[in-house]
Amino acid sequence: MTAAPAPRLLPTSWSTAGDVVPQSADERSPLALADRVRAVAETGWNGFGLVYDDLMEYQREHSLGDLKRLLDDHGLDHVELEFLGDWWTADERRAASDEMRENLFHAAEALGAKTVKIAPETADAPVDRDVFFAEFDALATEAARHGTRVALETLPFAANMRTIEEGIELVTEVANPAGGLCVDIWHVARGGTDYSVIRDSLPAQHLFVVELDDAAAQPIGRLWEDTVHRRLLPGHGAFDVPEFINAVRATGYDGIWGVEIISHEIRATPLPEALAAMRGAALECFAEADARLAAAR
């Protein structure tokens, strides 16, 4: 029997950022970007994720061409950027969102980034469904003009798009080939969605980003605290990561797999050690997923 090819893996931006927390007033990593890229390459990964604040900080002294060469020189051929919010709004938030949108798409084009991840409403503001869907379509169309695409990440603590089911409704109704979903196992499990929904209902052509991690059976503290402080390595918690992997595979997805570990422990661990642990844990989950498929034949 031919062995399954090794999965291509990408550490998301937060997996390499060091001691910084999402949604901080300043999301810039304390670690030099070149050092992060080097550590990712040396520990065997295939791609690199980058958050907006780090992207803009790098450009204070370097060009996007410099960043492209840095990534290419280290063999990291898959780039993802994040995290655009407020893109559907018509209030005072829109100006800042539009500036970020322009910068992210410009960078995506320069870097050859495959995907820009985007957010739903994370505050308590009401969201008009028709406006949200129409703006998503427009955003995806604009992304395609820059040679990239947008992936909405459903968030169980958001005001809308809390579940994968809602995300599937969005991408299938809009049906824009450059508009898809980011499916993070944490958000799927904490959103109460059975993995079979992914297998049975998510069209592969709209599955752009997949992210692996793990956590305790029940949230520790509020959902936000659980997701940014207490994630675990894949296979070290209660999420049954191999089952999730096989549900995603059943859609026909054949892209790169992200690993997103946001936790006190990972932030306190030297980056090369953290990256090796994350990659090793993910590969163990793939091995178990392969074994389950073989046993079911």
Foldseek 3Di string as FASTA:
>chain_A
DDDDDFFAEEAAAQLQQFPAFPPDPQRHRPDDPLVSLQLLLVLPHQAYHEEQNNVVVVVVPDDLLVVLCSNVVSNRLEYEYDEQEPQLDDDPVNVVSVVSLVVVLVSCLSNVHAEYEYEYAQDQDDDDPVSVLVSLLVSQVVSVVSVYAYAYEAPCNGNPSQEVVRQLVSCVVSVDLRAAHAAELLSHVVSPHDLLCLLPRHALSRHDAYEYWAFENDADPDPSCRQQATIHAHPPYDSLVLVNVVSNVNNVHRDHYYYYDHHPVSSPDPSSVSSNRNVVSVSVSPVVNVVVVVVVD
